[in-house]
Amino acid sequence: ALLGAKSMRPRHWKLLIKATAATDFTAPYEDENMSLKGLLALDLHKISNEVEEICDQANKEEKMENTLEQIQSRWSEIVFIMQPYRSQGAEDDVPLLGIGEEDFESLE
């Protein structure tokens, strides 16, 4: 189940192949007709801790990527407002950058 997760990107398969020192293995992203026999030939059970670490890393990276996409999406919708501000005794206005009330509430 861990190896079949969509979070397993080519970079993770390369780490698995490197960990097994396999030279004749073609990863699933390169071979749509990959058989179970080919996967078993890697002897992943011998390095199960490394396999779990790589799969865990892939899951964590996917979560971070999803979070970053949500943050980017939210911030791309924010409209910034420039308001002049004049402090006491100052001759010129200073522009202040702000956001609308709705945007502020949604970011909290």
PDB file of N, CA and C in Angstrom:
ATOM      1  N   ALA A   1       0.825  -1.191   0.000  1.00  0.00           N
ATOM      2  CA  ALA A   1       0.000   0.000   0.000  1.00  0.00           C
ATOM      3  C   ALA A   1       0.866   1.251   0.000  1.00  0.00           C
ATOM      4  N   LEU A   2       1.982   1.233   0.719  1.00  0.00           N
ATOM      5  CA  LEU A   2       2.842   2.412   0.787  1.00  0.00           C
ATOM      6  C   LEU A   2       3.460   2.726  -0.573  1.00  0.00           C
ATOM      7  N   LEU A   3       3.887   1.694  -1.278  1.00  0.00           N
ATOM      8  CA  LEU A   3       4.540   1.910  -2.566  1.00  0.00           C
ATOM      9  C   LEU A   3       3.562   2.348  -3.647  1.00  0.00           C
ATOM     10  N   GLY A   4       2.287   2.052  -3.475  1.00  0.00           N
ATOM     11  CA  GLY A   4       1.286   2.407  -4.464  1.00  0.00           C
ATOM     12  C   GLY A   4       0.671   3.774  -4.237  1.00  0.00           C
ATOM     13  N   ALA A   5       1.097   4.476  -3.214  1.00  0.00           N
ATOM     14  CA  ALA A   5       0.526   5.795  -2.913  1.00  0.00           C
ATOM     15  C   ALA A   5       0.875   6.794  -4.005  1.00  0.00           C
ATOM     16  N   LYS A   6      -0.052   7.728  -4.251  1.00  0.00           N
ATOM     17  CA  LYS A   6       0.199   8.725  -5.289  1.00  0.00           C
ATOM     18  C   LYS A   6       1.306   9.694  -4.886  1.00  0.00           C
ATOM     19  N   SER A   7       1.653   9.699  -3.614  1.00  0.00           N
ATOM     20  CA  SER A   7       2.733  10.572  -3.144  1.00  0.00           C
ATOM     21  C   SER A   7       4.111  10.070  -3.577  1.00  0.00           C
ATOM     22  N   MET A   8       4.193   8.829  -4.021  1.00  0.00           N
ATOM     23  CA  MET A   8       5.474   8.263  -4.473  1.00  0.00           C
ATOM     24  C   MET A   8       5.819   8.833  -5.847  1.00  0.00           C
ATOM     25  N   ARG A   9       6.715   9.796  -5.845  1.00  0.00           N
ATOM     26  CA  ARG A   9       7.137  10.469  -7.068  1.00  0.00           C
ATOM     27  C   ARG A   9       8.388   9.780  -7.626  1.00  0.00           C
ATOM     28  N   PRO A  10       8.771  10.114  -8.843  1.00  0.00           N
ATOM     29  CA  PRO A  10       9.988   9.514  -9.406  1.00  0.00           C
ATOM     30  C   PRO A  10      11.217   9.648  -8.509  1.00  0.00           C
ATOM     31  N   ARG A  11      11.330  10.780  -7.819  1.00  0.00           N
ATOM     32  CA  ARG A  11      12.506  10.959  -6.940  1.00  0.00           C
ATOM     33  C   ARG A  11      12.528   9.941  -5.806  1.00  0.00           C
ATOM     34  N   HIS A  12      11.343   9.522  -5.342  1.00  0.00           N
ATOM     35  CA  HIS A  12      11.289   8.540  -4.265  1.00  0.00           C
ATOM     36  C   HIS A  12      11.635   7.144  -4.781  1.00  0.00           C
ATOM     37  N   TRP A  13      11.173   6.848  -5.992  1.00  0.00           N
ATOM     38  CA  TRP A  13      11.538   5.563  -6.587  1.00  0.00           C
ATOM     39  C   TRP A  13      13.036   5.494  -6.834  1.00  0.00           C
ATOM     40  N   LYS A  14      13.637   6.603  -7.216  1.00  0.00           N
ATOM     41  CA  LYS A  14      15.092   6.625  -7.414  1.00  0.00           C
ATOM     42  C   LYS A  14      15.815   6.352  -6.104  1.00  0.00           C
ATOM     43  N   LEU A  15      15.282   6.881  -4.996  1.00  0.00           N
ATOM     44  CA  LEU A  15      15.875   6.599  -3.681  1.00  0.00           C
ATOM     45  C   LEU A  15      15.760   5.114  -3.335  1.00  0.00           C
ATOM     46  N   LEU A  16      14.603   4.517  -3.651  1.00  0.00           N
ATOM     47  CA  LEU A  16      14.425   3.082  -3.392  1.00  0.00           C
ATOM     48  C   LEU A  16      15.382   2.245  -4.229  1.00  0.00           C
ATOM     49  N   ILE A  17      15.505   2.598  -5.479  1.00  0.00           N
ATOM     50  CA  ILE A  17      16.404   1.856  -6.372  1.00  0.00           C
ATOM     51  C   ILE A  17      17.843   1.988  -5.886  1.00  0.00           C
ATOM     52  N   LYS A  18      18.212   3.188  -5.452  1.00  0.00           N
ATOM     53  CA  LYS A  18      19.563   3.408  -4.930  1.00  0.00           C
ATOM     54  C   LYS A  18      19.788   2.585  -3.659  1.00  0.00           C
ATOM     55  N   ALA A  19      18.773   2.544  -2.789  1.00  0.00           N
ATOM     56  CA  ALA A  19      18.899   1.796  -1.533  1.00  0.00           C
ATOM     57  C   ALA A  19      19.069   0.299  -1.775  1.00  0.00           C
ATOM     58  N   THR A  20      18.477  -0.206  -2.854  1.00  0.00           N
ATOM     59  CA  THR A  20      18.584  -1.634  -3.143  1.00  0.00           C
ATOM     60  C   THR A  20      19.793  -1.958  -4.019  1.00  0.00           C
ATOM     61  N   ALA A  21      20.388  -0.928  -4.588  1.00  0.00           N
ATOM     62  CA  ALA A  21      21.518  -1.088  -5.514  1.00  0.00           C
ATOM     63  C   ALA A  21      21.123  -1.891  -6.748  1.00  0.00           C
ATOM     64  N   ALA A  22      19.846  -1.832  -7.116  1.00  0.00           N
ATOM     65  CA  ALA A  22      19.374  -2.541  -8.312  1.00  0.00           C
ATOM     66  C   ALA A  22      19.841  -1.798  -9.563  1.00  0.00           C
ATOM     67  N   THR A  23      20.270  -2.559 -10.537  1.00  0.00           N
ATOM     68  CA  THR A  23      20.747  -1.942 -11.775  1.00  0.00           C
ATOM     69  C   THR A  23      19.809  -2.177 -12.952  1.00  0.00           C
ATOM     70  N   ASP A  24      18.980  -3.192 -12.861  1.00  0.00           N
ATOM     71  CA  ASP A  24      18.125  -3.542 -13.994  1.00  0.00           C
ATOM     72  C   ASP A  24      16.636  -3.347 -13.692  1.00  0.00           C
ATOM     73  N   PHE A  25      16.318  -2.487 -12.734  1.00  0.00           N
ATOM     74  CA  PHE A  25      14.922  -2.275 -12.352  1.00  0.00           C
ATOM     75  C   PHE A  25      14.386  -1.020 -13.028  1.00  0.00           C
ATOM     76  N   THR A  26      13.174  -1.134 -13.566  1.00  0.00           N
ATOM     77  CA  THR A  26      12.490   0.009 -14.151  1.00  0.00           C
ATOM     78  C   THR A  26      11.326   0.377 -13.240  1.00  0.00           C
ATOM     79  N   ALA A  27      11.323   1.605 -12.775  1.00  0.00           N
ATOM     80  CA  ALA A  27      10.298   2.068 -11.827  1.00  0.00           C
ATOM     81  C   ALA A  27       8.927   2.119 -12.484  1.00  0.00           C
ATOM     82  N   PRO A  28       7.864   2.030 -11.691  1.00  0.00           N
ATOM     83  CA  PRO A  28       6.499   2.023 -12.229  1.00  0.00           C
ATOM     84  C   PRO A  28       6.138   3.251 -13.050  1.00  0.00           C
ATOM     85  N   TYR A  29       6.714   4.401 -12.727  1.00  0.00           N
ATOM     86  CA  TYR A  29       6.386   5.595 -13.501  1.00  0.00           C
ATOM     87  C   TYR A  29       6.972   5.525 -14.913  1.00  0.00           C
ATOM     88  N   GLU A  30       7.938   4.647 -15.137  1.00  0.00           N
ATOM     89  CA  GLU A  30       8.530   4.461 -16.463  1.00  0.00           C
ATOM     90  C   GLU A  30       7.967   3.234 -17.179  1.00  0.00           C
ATOM     91  N   ASP A  31       7.394   2.306 -16.424  1.00  0.00           N
ATOM     92  CA  ASP A  31       6.889   1.048 -16.995  1.00  0.00           C
ATOM     93  C   ASP A  31       5.477   0.780 -16.492  1.00  0.00           C
ATOM     94  N   GLU A  32       4.485   1.081 -17.334  1.00  0.00           N
ATOM     95  CA  GLU A  32       3.090   0.889 -16.941  1.00  0.00           C
ATOM     96  C   GLU A  32       2.735  -0.588 -16.776  1.00  0.00           C
ATOM     97  N   ASN A  33       3.479  -1.467 -17.395  1.00  0.00           N
ATOM     98  CA  ASN A  33       3.206  -2.905 -17.347  1.00  0.00           C
ATOM     99  C   ASN A  33       4.079  -3.620 -16.325  1.00  0.00           C
ATOM    100  N   MET A  34       4.541  -2.911 -15.349  1.00  0.00           N
ATOM    101  CA  MET A  34       5.405  -3.512 -14.334  1.00  0.00           C
ATOM    102  C   MET A  34       4.669  -4.632 -13.606  1.00  0.00           C
ATOM    103  N   SER A  35       5.357  -5.724 -13.417  1.00  0.00           N
ATOM    104  CA  SER A  35       4.739  -6.875 -12.752  1.00  0.00           C
ATOM    105  C   SER A  35       5.169  -6.931 -11.281  1.00  0.00           C
ATOM    106  N   LEU A  36       4.416  -7.676 -10.525  1.00  0.00           N
ATOM    107  CA  LEU A  36       4.749  -7.887  -9.123  1.00  0.00           C
ATOM    108  C   LEU A  36       6.104  -8.583  -9.013  1.00  0.00           C
ATOM    109  N   LYS A  37       6.385  -9.454  -9.956  1.00  0.00           N
ATOM    110  CA  LYS A  37       7.667 -10.163  -9.968  1.00  0.00           C
ATOM    111  C   LYS A  37       8.832  -9.175 -10.028  1.00  0.00           C
ATOM    112  N   GLY A  38       8.676  -8.144 -10.850  1.00  0.00           N
ATOM    113  CA  GLY A  38       9.726  -7.134 -10.960  1.00  0.00           C
ATOM    114  C   GLY A  38       9.927  -6.370  -9.667  1.00  0.00           C
ATOM    115  N   LEU A  39       8.841  -6.077  -9.001  1.00  0.00           N
ATOM    116  CA  LEU A  39       8.922  -5.365  -7.734  1.00  0.00           C
ATOM    117  C   LEU A  39       9.525  -6.256  -6.644  1.00  0.00           C
ATOM    118  N   LEU A  40       9.123  -7.513  -6.631  1.00  0.00           N
ATOM    119  CA  LEU A  40       9.661  -8.442  -5.631  1.00  0.00           C
ATOM    120  C   LEU A  40      11.158  -8.689  -5.837  1.00  0.00           C
ATOM    121  N   ALA A  41      11.610  -8.542  -7.072  1.00  0.00           N
ATOM    122  CA  ALA A  41      13.028  -8.754  -7.369  1.00  0.00           C
ATOM    123  C   ALA A  41      13.915  -7.738  -6.662  1.00  0.00           C
ATOM    124  N   LEU A  42      13.343  -6.640  -6.223  1.00  0.00           N
ATOM    125  CA  LEU A  42      14.127  -5.633  -5.507  1.00  0.00           C
ATOM    126  C   LEU A  42      14.482  -6.069  -4.080  1.00  0.00           C
ATOM    127  N   ASP A  43      13.803  -7.102  -3.589  1.00  0.00           N
ATOM    128  CA  ASP A  43      14.029  -7.566  -2.210  1.00  0.00           C
ATOM    129  C   ASP A  43      13.837  -6.428  -1.200  1.00  0.00           C
ATOM    130  N   LEU A  44      12.755  -5.701  -1.367  1.00  0.00           N
ATOM    131  CA  LEU A  44      12.484  -4.573  -0.484  1.00  0.00           C
ATOM    132  C   LEU A  44      12.253  -5.010   0.965  1.00  0.00           C
ATOM    133  N   HIS A  45      11.859  -6.238   1.152  1.00  0.00           N
ATOM    134  CA  HIS A  45      11.639  -6.729   2.517  1.00  0.00           C
ATOM    135  C   HIS A  45      12.935  -6.738   3.326  1.00  0.00           C
ATOM    136  N   LYS A  46      14.062  -6.784   2.644  1.00  0.00           N
ATOM    137  CA  LYS A  46      15.353  -6.791   3.337  1.00  0.00           C
ATOM    138  C   LYS A  46      15.726  -5.402   3.858  1.00  0.00           C
ATOM    139  N   ILE A  47      15.124  -4.392   3.273  1.00  0.00           N
ATOM    140  CA  ILE A  47      15.408  -3.021   3.701  1.00  0.00           C
ATOM    141  C   ILE A  47      14.095  -2.313   4.079  1.00  0.00           C
ATOM    142  N   SER A  48      13.246  -3.022   4.777  1.00  0.00           N
ATOM    143  CA  SER A  48      11.909  -2.507   5.070  1.00  0.00           C
ATOM    144  C   SER A  48      11.920  -1.175   5.828  1.00  0.00           C
ATOM    145  N   ASN A  49      12.900  -0.972   6.697  1.00  0.00           N
ATOM    146  CA  ASN A  49      12.972   0.303   7.427  1.00  0.00           C
ATOM    147  C   ASN A  49      13.225   1.470   6.481  1.00  0.00           C
ATOM    148  N   GLU A  50      14.134   1.269   5.536  1.00  0.00           N
ATOM    149  CA  GLU A  50      14.423   2.320   4.564  1.00  0.00           C
ATOM    150  C   GLU A  50      13.219   2.574   3.664  1.00  0.00           C
ATOM    151  N   VAL A  51      12.526   1.508   3.280  1.00  0.00           N
ATOM    152  CA  VAL A  51      11.331   1.641   2.447  1.00  0.00           C
ATOM    153  C   VAL A  51      10.286   2.465   3.183  1.00  0.00           C
ATOM    154  N   GLU A  52      10.064   2.154   4.448  1.00  0.00           N
ATOM    155  CA  GLU A  52       9.088   2.899   5.236  1.00  0.00           C
ATOM    156  C   GLU A  52       9.486   4.364   5.379  1.00  0.00           C
ATOM    157  N   GLU A  53      10.777   4.625   5.589  1.00  0.00           N
ATOM    158  CA  GLU A  53      11.248   6.003   5.715  1.00  0.00           C
ATOM    159  C   GLU A  53      11.029   6.783   4.423  1.00  0.00           C
ATOM    160  N   ILE A  54      11.329   6.165   3.290  1.00  0.00           N
ATOM    161  CA  ILE A  54      11.160   6.835   1.996  1.00  0.00           C
ATOM    162  C   ILE A  54       9.684   7.084   1.716  1.00  0.00           C
ATOM    163  N   CYS A  55       8.840   6.106   2.009  1.00  0.00           N
ATOM    164  CA  CYS A  55       7.392   6.278   1.805  1.00  0.00           C
ATOM    165  C   CYS A  55       6.830   7.336   2.747  1.00  0.00           C
ATOM    166  N   ASP A  56       7.312   7.352   3.977  1.00  0.00           N
ATOM    167  CA  ASP A  56       6.883   8.367   4.939  1.00  0.00           C
ATOM    168  C   ASP A  56       7.316   9.752   4.474  1.00  0.00           C
ATOM    169  N   GLN A  57       8.537   9.844   3.972  1.00  0.00           N
ATOM    170  CA  GLN A  57       9.046  11.107   3.429  1.00  0.00           C
ATOM    171  C   GLN A  57       8.162  11.573   2.273  1.00  0.00           C
ATOM    172  N   ALA A  58       7.771  10.653   1.400  1.00  0.00           N
ATOM    173  CA  ALA A  58       6.919  10.991   0.262  1.00  0.00           C
ATOM    174  C   ALA A  58       5.572  11.530   0.740  1.00  0.00           C
ATOM    175  N   ASN A  59       4.986  10.905   1.751  1.00  0.00           N
ATOM    176  CA  ASN A  59       3.700  11.364   2.292  1.00  0.00           C
ATOM    177  C   ASN A  59       3.820  12.750   2.915  1.00  0.00           C
ATOM    178  N   LYS A  60       4.887  12.972   3.661  1.00  0.00           N
ATOM    179  CA  LYS A  60       5.096  14.276   4.291  1.00  0.00           C
ATOM    180  C   LYS A  60       5.313  15.363   3.244  1.00  0.00           C
ATOM    181  N   GLU A  61       6.072  15.049   2.199  1.00  0.00           N
ATOM    182  CA  GLU A  61       6.301  16.017   1.133  1.00  0.00           C
ATOM    183  C   GLU A  61       5.000  16.361   0.421  1.00  0.00           C
ATOM    184  N   GLU A  62       4.154  15.359   0.213  1.00  0.00           N
ATOM    185  CA  GLU A  62       2.866  15.616  -0.439  1.00  0.00           C
ATOM    186  C   GLU A  62       1.999  16.534   0.426  1.00  0.00           C
ATOM    187  N   LYS A  63       1.999  16.310   1.721  1.00  0.00           N
ATOM    188  CA  LYS A  63       1.225  17.177   2.617  1.00  0.00           C
ATOM    189  C   LYS A  63       1.739  18.608   2.557  1.00  0.00           C
ATOM    190  N   MET A  64       3.057  18.767   2.551  1.00  0.00           N
ATOM    191  CA  MET A  64       3.633  20.114   2.462  1.00  0.00           C
ATOM    192  C   MET A  64       3.277  20.778   1.129  1.00  0.00           C
ATOM    193  N   GLU A  65       3.352  20.020   0.043  1.00  0.00           N
ATOM    194  CA  GLU A  65       3.008  20.563  -1.273  1.00  0.00           C
ATOM    195  C   GLU A  65       1.555  21.012  -1.304  1.00  0.00           C
ATOM    196  N   ASN A  66       0.659  20.217  -0.734  1.00  0.00           N
ATOM    197  CA  ASN A  66      -0.758  20.584  -0.690  1.00  0.00           C
ATOM    198  C   ASN A  66      -0.982  21.836   0.153  1.00  0.00           C
ATOM    199  N   THR A  67      -0.310  21.921   1.286  1.00  0.00           N
ATOM    200  CA  THR A  67      -0.433  23.098   2.148  1.00  0.00           C
ATOM    201  C   THR A  67       0.084  24.339   1.440  1.00  0.00           C
ATOM    202  N   LEU A  68       1.217  24.214   0.763  1.00  0.00           N
ATOM    203  CA  LEU A  68       1.769  25.356   0.029  1.00  0.00           C
ATOM    204  C   LEU A  68       0.832  25.805  -1.091  1.00  0.00           C
ATOM    205  N   GLU A  69       0.204  24.866  -1.762  1.00  0.00           N
ATOM    206  CA  GLU A  69      -0.758  25.215  -2.814  1.00  0.00           C
ATOM    207  C   GLU A  69      -1.939  25.981  -2.229  1.00  0.00           C
ATOM    208  N   GLN A  70      -2.433  25.551  -1.062  1.00  0.00           N
ATOM    209  CA  GLN A  70      -3.544  26.251  -0.410  1.00  0.00           C
ATOM    210  C   GLN A  70      -3.142  27.661  -0.004  1.00  0.00           C
ATOM    211  N   ILE A  71      -1.950  27.803   0.544  1.00  0.00           N
ATOM    212  CA  ILE A  71      -1.469  29.121   0.959  1.00  0.00           C
ATOM    213  C   ILE A  71      -1.311  30.032  -0.253  1.00  0.00           C
ATOM    214  N   GLN A  72      -0.709  29.503  -1.301  1.00  0.00           N
ATOM    215  CA  GLN A  72      -0.512  30.288  -2.516  1.00  0.00           C
ATOM    216  C   GLN A  72      -1.850  30.705  -3.123  1.00  0.00           C
ATOM    217  N   SER A  73      -2.799  29.794  -3.142  1.00  0.00           N
ATOM    218  CA  SER A  73      -4.123  30.094  -3.676  1.00  0.00           C
ATOM    219  C   SER A  73      -4.801  31.203  -2.869  1.00  0.00           C
ATOM    220  N   ARG A  74      -4.706  31.093  -1.558  1.00  0.00           N
ATOM    221  CA  ARG A  74      -5.355  32.083  -0.693  1.00  0.00           C
ATOM    222  C   ARG A  74      -4.717  33.455  -0.855  1.00  0.00           C
ATOM    223  N   TRP A  75      -3.388  33.514  -0.854  1.00  0.00           N
ATOM    224  CA  TRP A  75      -2.705  34.798  -0.947  1.00  0.00           C
ATOM    225  C   TRP A  75      -2.837  35.420  -2.334  1.00  0.00           C
ATOM    226  N   SER A  76      -3.035  34.608  -3.355  1.00  0.00           N
ATOM    227  CA  SER A  76      -3.185  35.168  -4.706  1.00  0.00           C
ATOM    228  C   SER A  76      -4.513  35.909  -4.849  1.00  0.00           C
ATOM    229  N   GLU A  77      -5.469  35.633  -3.973  1.00  0.00           N
ATOM    230  CA  GLU A  77      -6.773  36.286  -4.014  1.00  0.00           C
ATOM    231  C   GLU A  77      -6.830  37.553  -3.162  1.00  0.00           C
ATOM    232  N   ILE A  78      -5.817  37.816  -2.363  1.00  0.00           N
ATOM    233  CA  ILE A  78      -5.804  38.973  -1.469  1.00  0.00           C
ATOM    234  C   ILE A  78      -5.596  40.251  -2.288  1.00  0.00           C
ATOM    235  N   VAL A  79      -6.419  41.239  -1.997  1.00  0.00           N
ATOM    236  CA  VAL A  79      -6.286  42.546  -2.634  1.00  0.00           C
ATOM    237  C   VAL A  79      -5.674  43.490  -1.607  1.00  0.00           C
ATOM    238  N   PHE A  80      -4.526  44.056  -1.951  1.00  0.00           N
ATOM    239  CA  PHE A  80      -3.851  44.979  -1.043  1.00  0.00           C
ATOM    240  C   PHE A  80      -4.355  46.399  -1.284  1.00  0.00           C
ATOM    241  N   ILE A  81      -4.468  47.155  -0.211  1.00  0.00           N
ATOM    242  CA  ILE A  81      -4.988  48.517  -0.257  1.00  0.00           C
ATOM    243  C   ILE A  81      -3.903  49.473   0.239  1.00  0.00           C
ATOM    244  N   MET A  82      -3.676  50.545  -0.525  1.00  0.00           N
ATOM    245  CA  MET A  82      -2.728  51.578  -0.101  1.00  0.00           C
ATOM    246  C   MET A  82      -3.531  52.740   0.467  1.00  0.00           C
ATOM    247  N   GLN A  83      -3.222  53.110   1.703  1.00  0.00           N
ATOM    248  CA  GLN A  83      -3.898  54.241   2.337  1.00  0.00           C
ATOM    249  C   GLN A  83      -2.848  55.240   2.807  1.00  0.00           C
ATOM    250  N   PRO A  84      -3.097  56.506   2.562  1.00  0.00           N
ATOM    251  CA  PRO A  84      -2.127  57.502   3.030  1.00  0.00           C
ATOM    252  C   PRO A  84      -2.206  57.666   4.548  1.00  0.00           C
ATOM    253  N   TYR A  85      -1.076  57.919   5.151  1.00  0.00           N
ATOM    254  CA  TYR A  85      -1.015  58.139   6.599  1.00  0.00           C
ATOM    255  C   TYR A  85      -0.092  59.327   6.840  1.00  0.00           C
ATOM    256  N   ARG A  86      -0.557  60.240   7.669  1.00  0.00           N
ATOM    257  CA  ARG A  86       0.265  61.406   7.999  1.00  0.00           C
ATOM    258  C   ARG A  86       0.417  61.457   9.515  1.00  0.00           C
ATOM    259  N   SER A  87       1.638  61.370   9.954  1.00  0.00           N
ATOM    260  CA  SER A  87       1.870  61.468  11.392  1.00  0.00           C
ATOM    261  C   SER A  87       1.958  62.940  11.786  1.00  0.00           C
ATOM    262  N   GLN A  88       1.813  63.209  13.059  1.00  0.00           N
ATOM    263  CA  GLN A  88       1.843  64.596  13.533  1.00  0.00           C
ATOM    264  C   GLN A  88       3.186  65.228  13.230  1.00  0.00           C
ATOM    265  N   GLY A  89       3.136  66.395  12.676  1.00  0.00           N
ATOM    266  CA  GLY A  89       4.352  67.139  12.386  1.00  0.00           C
ATOM    267  C   GLY A  89       5.010  66.755  11.077  1.00  0.00           C
ATOM    268  N   ALA A  90       4.505  65.728  10.402  1.00  0.00           N
ATOM    269  CA  ALA A  90       5.114  65.316   9.137  1.00  0.00           C
ATOM    270  C   ALA A  90       4.516  66.120   8.004  1.00  0.00           C
ATOM    271  N   GLU A  91       5.343  66.421   7.026  1.00  0.00           N
ATOM    272  CA  GLU A  91       4.878  67.209   5.885  1.00  0.00           C
ATOM    273  C   GLU A  91       4.260  66.330   4.801  1.00  0.00           C
ATOM    274  N   ASP A  92       4.765  65.119   4.651  1.00  0.00           N
ATOM    275  CA  ASP A  92       4.295  64.237   3.581  1.00  0.00           C
ATOM    276  C   ASP A  92       3.535  63.048   4.148  1.00  0.00           C
ATOM    277  N   ASP A  93       2.610  62.551   3.329  1.00  0.00           N
ATOM    278  CA  ASP A  93       1.902  61.324   3.695  1.00  0.00           C
ATOM    279  C   ASP A  93       2.818  60.126   3.476  1.00  0.00           C
ATOM    280  N   VAL A  94       2.618  59.127   4.293  1.00  0.00           N
ATOM    281  CA  VAL A  94       3.339  57.868   4.150  1.00  0.00           C
ATOM    282  C   VAL A  94       2.315  56.817   3.723  1.00  0.00           C
ATOM    283  N   PRO A  95       2.576  56.119   2.631  1.00  0.00           N
ATOM    284  CA  PRO A  95       1.594  55.099   2.214  1.00  0.00           C
ATOM    285  C   PRO A  95       1.669  53.877   3.133  1.00  0.00           C
ATOM    286  N   LEU A  96       0.504  53.435   3.587  1.00  0.00           N
ATOM    287  CA  LEU A  96       0.404  52.236   4.402  1.00  0.00           C
ATOM    288  C   LEU A  96      -0.252  51.136   3.578  1.00  0.00           C
ATOM    289  N   LEU A  97       0.300  49.973   3.663  1.00  0.00           N
ATOM    290  CA  LEU A  97      -0.241  48.821   2.951  1.00  0.00           C
ATOM    291  C   LEU A  97      -1.157  48.051   3.890  1.00  0.00           C
ATOM    292  N   GLY A  98      -2.351  47.725   3.415  1.00  0.00           N
ATOM    293  CA  GLY A  98      -3.291  46.987   4.239  1.00  0.00           C
ATOM    294  C   GLY A  98      -4.123  46.048   3.393  1.00  0.00           C
ATOM    295  N   ILE A  99      -4.977  45.289   4.064  1.00  0.00           N
ATOM    296  CA  ILE A  99      -5.901  44.398   3.365  1.00  0.00           C
ATOM    297  C   ILE A  99      -7.299  44.628   3.907  1.00  0.00           C
ATOM    298  N   GLY A 100      -8.282  44.213   3.142  1.00  0.00           N
ATOM    299  CA  GLY A 100      -9.666  44.393   3.540  1.00  0.00           C
ATOM    300  C   GLY A 100     -10.037  43.545   4.743  1.00  0.00           C
ATOM    301  N   GLU A 101     -11.132  43.914   5.374  1.00  0.00           N
ATOM    302  CA  GLU A 101     -11.603  43.228   6.577  1.00  0.00           C
ATOM    303  C   GLU A 101     -11.864  41.741   6.329  1.00  0.00           C
ATOM    304  N   GLU A 102     -12.523  41.423   5.208  1.00  0.00           N
ATOM    305  CA  GLU A 102     -12.831  40.015   4.886  1.00  0.00           C
ATOM    306  C   GLU A 102     -11.547  39.200   4.711  1.00  0.00           C
ATOM    307  N   ASP A 103     -10.594  39.781   3.985  1.00  0.00           N
ATOM    308  CA  ASP A 103      -9.328  39.072   3.773  1.00  0.00           C
ATOM    309  C   ASP A 103      -8.601  38.846   5.079  1.00  0.00           C
ATOM    310  N   PHE A 104      -8.619  39.857   5.948  1.00  0.00           N
ATOM    311  CA  PHE A 104      -7.951  39.741   7.235  1.00  0.00           C
ATOM    312  C   PHE A 104      -8.553  38.622   8.072  1.00  0.00           C
ATOM    313  N   GLU A 105      -9.885  38.565   8.103  1.00  0.00           N
ATOM    314  CA  GLU A 105     -10.567  37.530   8.870  1.00  0.00           C
ATOM    315  C   GLU A 105     -10.297  36.140   8.326  1.00  0.00           C
ATOM    316  N   SER A 106     -10.243  36.031   7.013  1.00  0.00           N
ATOM    317  CA  SER A 106     -10.017  34.696   6.430  1.00  0.00           C
ATOM    318  C   SER A 106      -8.591  34.199   6.651  1.00  0.00           C
ATOM    319  N   LEU A 107      -7.654  35.107   6.834  1.00  0.00           N
ATOM    320  CA  LEU A 107      -6.261  34.708   7.085  1.00  0.00           C
ATOM    321  C   LEU A 107      -6.030  34.323   8.535  1.00  0.00           C
ATOM    322  N   GLU A 108      -6.902  34.740   9.424  1.00  0.00           N
ATOM    323  CA  GLU A 108      -6.708  34.408  10.840  1.00  0.00           C
ATOM    324  C   GLU A 108      -6.959  32.998  11.094  1.00  0.00           C
TER     325      GLU A 108
END
